N, C-alpha and C. Protein backbone atom coordinates (compact mmCIF):
# COMPACT_ATOMS: atom_id res chain seq x y z
N UNK A 1 20.97 -5.84 -0.39
CA UNK A 1 20.49 -4.51 -0.54
C UNK A 1 21.40 -3.62 0.53
N UNK A 2 21.85 -2.21 -0.43
CA UNK A 2 22.74 -1.70 0.58
C UNK A 2 21.74 -1.03 1.74
N UNK A 3 22.30 -0.30 2.82
CA UNK A 3 21.63 0.16 4.00
C UNK A 3 20.88 1.70 3.39
N UNK A 4 21.33 2.14 2.48
CA UNK A 4 20.57 3.10 1.78
C UNK A 4 19.18 2.76 1.16
N UNK A 5 19.46 1.72 0.27
CA UNK A 5 18.24 1.02 -0.04
C UNK A 5 17.07 0.29 1.15
N UNK A 6 17.59 -0.33 1.96
CA UNK A 6 16.62 -0.28 3.29
C UNK A 6 16.35 0.88 3.55
N UNK A 7 17.07 1.79 3.88
CA UNK A 7 16.30 2.99 4.66
C UNK A 7 15.39 3.77 3.59
N UNK A 8 15.46 3.20 2.67
CA UNK A 8 14.63 4.00 1.59
C UNK A 8 13.00 2.98 1.89
N UNK A 9 13.08 1.77 1.85
CA UNK A 9 12.29 0.81 1.89
C UNK A 9 11.67 0.97 2.97
N UNK A 10 12.57 1.54 4.39
CA UNK A 10 11.70 1.58 5.62
C UNK A 10 10.83 3.09 5.66
N UNK A 11 11.41 3.88 4.96
CA UNK A 11 10.48 5.41 4.81
C UNK A 11 9.29 5.49 4.16
N UNK A 12 9.25 4.65 3.04
CA UNK A 12 7.94 4.50 2.37
C UNK A 12 6.77 3.35 2.78
N UNK A 13 7.28 2.61 3.92
CA UNK A 13 6.32 2.07 4.29
C UNK A 13 5.10 2.57 4.95
N UNK A 14 3.87 2.44 4.73
CA UNK A 14 3.05 2.82 5.35
C UNK A 14 2.96 2.72 6.91
N UNK A 15 2.33 3.20 7.65
CA UNK A 15 2.20 2.94 9.41
C UNK A 15 1.47 2.28 9.31
N UNK A 16 2.09 1.06 10.72
CA UNK A 16 1.46 0.00 10.74
C UNK A 16 0.26 0.13 11.53
N UNK A 17 -0.99 0.10 10.88
CA UNK A 17 -2.04 0.59 11.17
C UNK A 17 -3.14 -0.43 11.44
N UNK A 18 -2.93 -1.25 12.48
CA UNK A 18 -3.93 -2.53 13.03
C UNK A 18 -4.81 -2.42 13.93
N UNK A 19 -4.94 -0.90 14.50
CA UNK A 19 -6.45 -0.63 15.24
C UNK A 19 -7.52 -0.16 14.17
N UNK A 20 -8.48 -0.12 14.91
CA UNK A 20 -9.78 0.02 13.96
C UNK A 20 -9.74 1.75 12.94
N UNK A 21 -9.68 0.98 11.97
CA UNK A 21 -9.57 2.34 10.64
C UNK A 21 -10.63 3.20 10.81
N UNK A 22 -11.98 2.78 11.58
CA UNK A 22 -12.93 3.89 11.13
C UNK A 22 -12.89 4.77 12.19
N UNK A 23 -12.53 4.38 13.53
CA UNK A 23 -12.02 4.74 14.62
C UNK A 23 -11.41 5.93 14.30
N UNK A 24 -10.12 5.72 13.40
CA UNK A 24 -8.85 6.57 12.99
C UNK A 24 -9.89 7.32 12.20
N UNK A 25 -10.35 7.27 11.42
CA UNK A 25 -11.14 8.09 10.56
C UNK A 25 -11.95 9.12 11.05
N UNK A 26 -13.07 8.64 11.89
CA UNK A 26 -14.04 9.63 12.63
C UNK A 26 -13.25 10.19 13.89
N UNK A 27 -12.20 9.70 14.55
CA UNK A 27 -11.86 9.92 15.61
C UNK A 27 -10.62 11.41 15.51
N UNK A 28 -9.62 10.94 14.35
CA UNK A 28 -8.42 11.69 14.13
C UNK A 28 -8.93 12.61 12.57
N UNK A 29 -9.64 12.28 11.71
CA UNK A 29 -9.81 12.95 10.71
C UNK A 29 -8.86 12.50 9.49
N UNK A 30 -8.27 10.87 9.88
CA UNK A 30 -7.31 10.36 8.83
C UNK A 30 -8.53 10.25 7.21
N UNK A 31 -7.79 10.48 6.39
CA UNK A 31 -8.11 10.27 5.19
C UNK A 31 -7.64 8.73 4.85
N UNK A 32 -8.71 7.82 4.80
CA UNK A 32 -8.01 6.48 4.67
C UNK A 32 -8.13 5.89 3.04
N UNK A 33 -8.50 7.04 2.20
CA UNK A 33 -7.76 6.93 0.93
C UNK A 33 -6.47 6.84 0.46
N UNK A 34 -6.15 8.04 1.06
CA UNK A 34 -4.55 8.23 0.95
C UNK A 34 -3.88 7.28 1.73
N UNK A 35 -4.62 6.70 3.08
CA UNK A 35 -3.48 5.58 3.72
C UNK A 35 -3.48 4.25 2.63
N UNK A 36 -4.61 3.84 1.99
CA UNK A 36 -4.48 3.01 1.18
C UNK A 36 -3.62 2.90 -0.07
N UNK A 37 -3.88 4.20 -0.38
CA UNK A 37 -2.66 4.79 -1.47
C UNK A 37 -1.05 4.03 -0.90
N UNK A 38 -0.93 4.42 0.39
CA UNK A 38 0.33 4.61 0.80
C UNK A 38 0.58 3.02 0.77
N UNK A 39 -0.26 2.17 0.97
CA UNK A 39 -0.16 0.43 1.38
C UNK A 39 0.03 0.05 0.04
N UNK A 40 -0.47 0.53 -1.36
CA UNK A 40 -0.26 -0.07 -2.52
C UNK A 40 1.34 0.75 -2.88
N UNK A 41 1.35 1.80 -2.41
CA UNK A 41 2.86 1.98 -3.06
C UNK A 41 3.98 1.23 -1.97
N UNK A 42 3.76 0.80 -0.57
CA UNK A 42 4.54 -0.27 -0.01
C UNK A 42 4.31 -1.36 -0.58
N UNK A 43 3.53 -1.93 -0.99
CA UNK A 43 3.24 -3.35 -1.80
C UNK A 43 4.16 -3.70 -2.62
N UNK A 44 4.05 -2.51 -3.83
CA UNK A 44 4.95 -2.31 -5.13
C UNK A 44 6.42 -2.58 -4.57
N UNK A 45 6.52 -1.81 -3.49
CA UNK A 45 7.94 -1.88 -3.37
C UNK A 45 8.40 -3.03 -2.42
N UNK A 46 7.46 -3.90 -1.76
CA UNK A 46 7.88 -4.88 -1.22
C UNK A 46 8.29 -6.30 -2.63
N UNK A 47 7.08 -6.15 -3.45
CA UNK A 47 7.06 -7.01 -4.68
C UNK A 47 8.72 -6.76 -5.15
N UNK A 48 9.01 -5.52 -5.39
CA UNK A 48 10.12 -5.11 -6.53
C UNK A 48 11.43 -5.77 -5.45
N UNK A 49 11.27 -5.57 -4.17
CA UNK A 49 12.01 -6.06 -3.22
C UNK A 49 12.32 -7.62 -3.20
N UNK A 50 11.24 -8.54 -3.55
CA UNK A 50 11.08 -9.58 -3.68
C UNK A 50 11.22 -10.22 -4.80
N UNK A 51 11.23 -9.50 -5.94
CA UNK A 51 12.28 -10.14 -6.92
C UNK A 51 9.99 -10.80 -7.74
N UNK A 52 8.89 -10.10 -6.94
CA UNK A 52 7.73 -10.37 -7.61
C UNK A 52 7.33 -11.64 -7.02
N UNK A 53 8.02 -12.45 -6.19
CA UNK A 53 7.57 -13.66 -5.60
C UNK A 53 6.94 -13.53 -4.45
N UNK A 54 6.27 -14.12 -3.62
CA UNK A 54 5.17 -14.36 -2.47
C UNK A 54 6.19 -13.88 -1.43
N UNK A 55 6.02 -13.21 -0.53
CA UNK A 55 6.52 -13.14 0.65
C UNK A 55 5.82 -13.01 2.25
N UNK A 56 6.20 -13.26 3.09
CA UNK A 56 5.26 -12.92 4.33
C UNK A 56 5.14 -11.45 4.40
N UNK A 57 6.00 -10.67 4.06
CA UNK A 57 6.13 -9.04 4.13
C UNK A 57 4.59 -8.86 3.04
N UNK A 58 4.45 -9.50 2.08
CA UNK A 58 3.54 -9.08 1.00
C UNK A 58 2.11 -9.36 1.61
N UNK A 59 2.17 -10.57 2.76
CA UNK A 59 1.17 -11.00 3.14
C UNK A 59 0.54 -10.19 4.24
N UNK A 60 1.51 -9.58 4.99
CA UNK A 60 1.21 -8.83 6.03
C UNK A 60 0.21 -7.24 5.42
N UNK A 61 1.02 -7.16 3.98
CA UNK A 61 0.70 -6.01 3.66
C UNK A 61 -0.62 -5.77 2.98
N UNK A 62 -1.20 -6.94 2.42
CA UNK A 62 -2.14 -7.66 1.65
C UNK A 62 -3.36 -7.75 2.55
N UNK A 63 -2.90 -8.19 3.84
CA UNK A 63 -4.05 -8.11 5.15
C UNK A 63 -4.43 -7.15 5.31
N UNK A 64 -3.55 -5.94 5.71
CA UNK A 64 -3.96 -4.73 6.09
C UNK A 64 -4.78 -4.05 5.12
N UNK A 65 -4.37 -4.04 3.76
CA UNK A 65 -5.09 -3.19 3.15
C UNK A 65 -6.30 -3.86 2.95
N UNK A 66 -6.65 -5.20 2.86
CA UNK A 66 -7.89 -5.92 2.95
C UNK A 66 -9.15 -5.57 4.13
N UNK A 67 -8.24 -5.18 5.26
CA UNK A 67 -9.02 -4.85 6.16
C UNK A 67 -9.64 -3.33 5.68
N UNK A 68 -8.69 -2.43 5.51
CA UNK A 68 -8.72 -1.19 5.37
C UNK A 68 -9.78 -1.28 4.19
N UNK A 69 -9.68 -1.79 2.67
CA UNK A 69 -10.75 -1.70 1.80
C UNK A 69 -12.13 -1.78 2.52
N UNK A 70 -12.31 -2.75 3.67
CA UNK A 70 -13.81 -2.74 4.02
C UNK A 70 -14.32 -1.35 5.17
N UNK A 71 -13.60 -0.80 5.16
CA UNK A 71 -13.51 0.53 5.66
C UNK A 71 -13.82 1.87 4.71
N UNK A 72 -12.82 1.49 3.80
CA UNK A 72 -13.46 2.38 2.73
C UNK A 72 -14.81 2.95 2.63
N UNK A 73 -15.63 3.91 2.18
CA UNK A 73 -16.78 4.15 1.69
C UNK A 73 -16.56 3.58 0.08
N UNK A 74 -18.18 3.49 -0.40
CA UNK A 74 -18.42 2.75 -1.63
C UNK A 74 -17.42 3.92 -2.36
N UNK A 75 -17.74 4.93 -2.71
CA UNK A 75 -17.12 6.39 -3.34
C UNK A 75 -15.87 6.03 -3.30
N UNK A 76 -14.97 5.74 -2.54
CA UNK A 76 -13.39 5.66 -2.25
C UNK A 76 -12.99 4.44 -2.97
N UNK A 77 -13.94 3.05 -3.05
CA UNK A 77 -13.44 2.14 -3.75
C UNK A 77 -13.91 2.29 -4.98
N UNK A 78 -14.73 2.86 -5.48
CA UNK A 78 -14.67 3.22 -6.72
C UNK A 78 -13.68 4.07 -7.54
N UNK A 79 -13.15 5.11 -6.58
CA UNK A 79 -12.09 5.91 -6.96
C UNK A 79 -10.72 4.99 -7.37
N UNK A 80 -10.57 4.17 -6.08
CA UNK A 80 -9.72 3.24 -6.37
C UNK A 80 -9.80 2.64 -7.72
N UNK A 81 -10.75 1.58 -7.80
CA UNK A 81 -11.29 1.20 -8.99
C UNK A 81 -10.89 1.48 -10.18
N UNK A 82 -11.30 2.93 -10.28
CA UNK A 82 -11.10 3.64 -11.60
C UNK A 82 -9.72 4.01 -11.66
N UNK A 83 -8.81 3.83 -10.66
CA UNK A 83 -7.50 4.08 -10.89
C UNK A 83 -6.92 3.28 -11.51
N UNK A 84 -7.26 2.16 -11.03
CA UNK A 84 -6.22 0.83 -11.63
C UNK A 84 -5.48 0.42 -10.61
N UNK A 85 -4.69 -0.78 -10.36
CA UNK A 85 -3.74 -1.30 -9.63
C UNK A 85 -2.29 -0.15 -9.73
N UNK A 86 -1.84 0.15 -8.50
CA UNK A 86 -0.66 0.81 -8.94
C UNK A 86 0.77 -0.37 -7.97
N UNK A 87 0.22 -1.31 -7.86
CA UNK A 87 0.78 -2.45 -6.68
C UNK A 87 1.99 -3.25 -7.48
N UNK A 88 2.14 -3.06 -8.80
CA UNK A 88 3.11 -3.87 -9.13
C UNK A 88 4.14 -2.97 -9.63
N UNK A 89 5.50 -3.69 -9.67
CA UNK A 89 6.91 -3.33 -10.34
C UNK A 89 6.63 -2.91 -11.47
N UNK A 90 7.09 -1.22 -12.05
CA UNK A 90 7.21 -1.02 -12.96
C UNK A 90 8.04 -1.28 -14.08
N UNK A 91 7.79 -2.00 -15.23
CA UNK A 91 8.47 -2.46 -16.34
C UNK A 91 9.95 -1.24 -16.13
N UNK A 92 11.10 -2.22 -16.54
CA UNK A 92 12.48 -0.99 -16.67
C UNK A 92 11.99 -0.03 -17.61
N UNK A 93 12.77 1.35 -16.65
CA UNK A 93 12.57 2.14 -17.59
C UNK A 93 11.17 3.16 -17.36
N UNK A 94 10.38 2.77 -16.71
CA UNK A 94 8.82 3.50 -16.71
C UNK A 94 8.89 3.68 -14.88
N UNK A 95 8.04 4.66 -14.99
CA UNK A 95 7.91 5.42 -13.31
C UNK A 95 6.40 5.03 -13.21
N UNK A 96 5.84 4.32 -12.14
CA UNK A 96 4.64 4.37 -11.92
C UNK A 96 4.30 3.07 -10.84
N UNK A 97 3.30 2.43 -11.27
CA UNK A 97 3.72 0.86 -11.11
C UNK A 97 2.96 0.05 -11.43
N UNK A 98 1.66 0.42 -12.42
CA UNK A 98 0.91 -0.62 -13.09
C UNK A 98 1.87 -0.86 -14.11
N UNK A 99 1.63 -2.18 -14.39
CA UNK A 99 2.71 -2.84 -15.37
C UNK A 99 1.09 -3.58 -16.29
């Protein structure tokens, strides 16, 4: 991977939000739905980088997504379910993420 691709991957990685997500929402007005979507995007990039194979990096993102999922409201969870998965690499020539 070239340095520019590594830089792009770092730029598109979501922030490391290991603190209490509910506190972030209440204390800082953070939109957890947007944060979850950033994790979906990061997961797609991780999966592309590893050719769809499991990796420790993928596990870390999935763990954060799982923790965040439990802090989302039921309405936010329903919104994400209705949108469908965005975290798989797109087939060649297609934009997006759902395969």
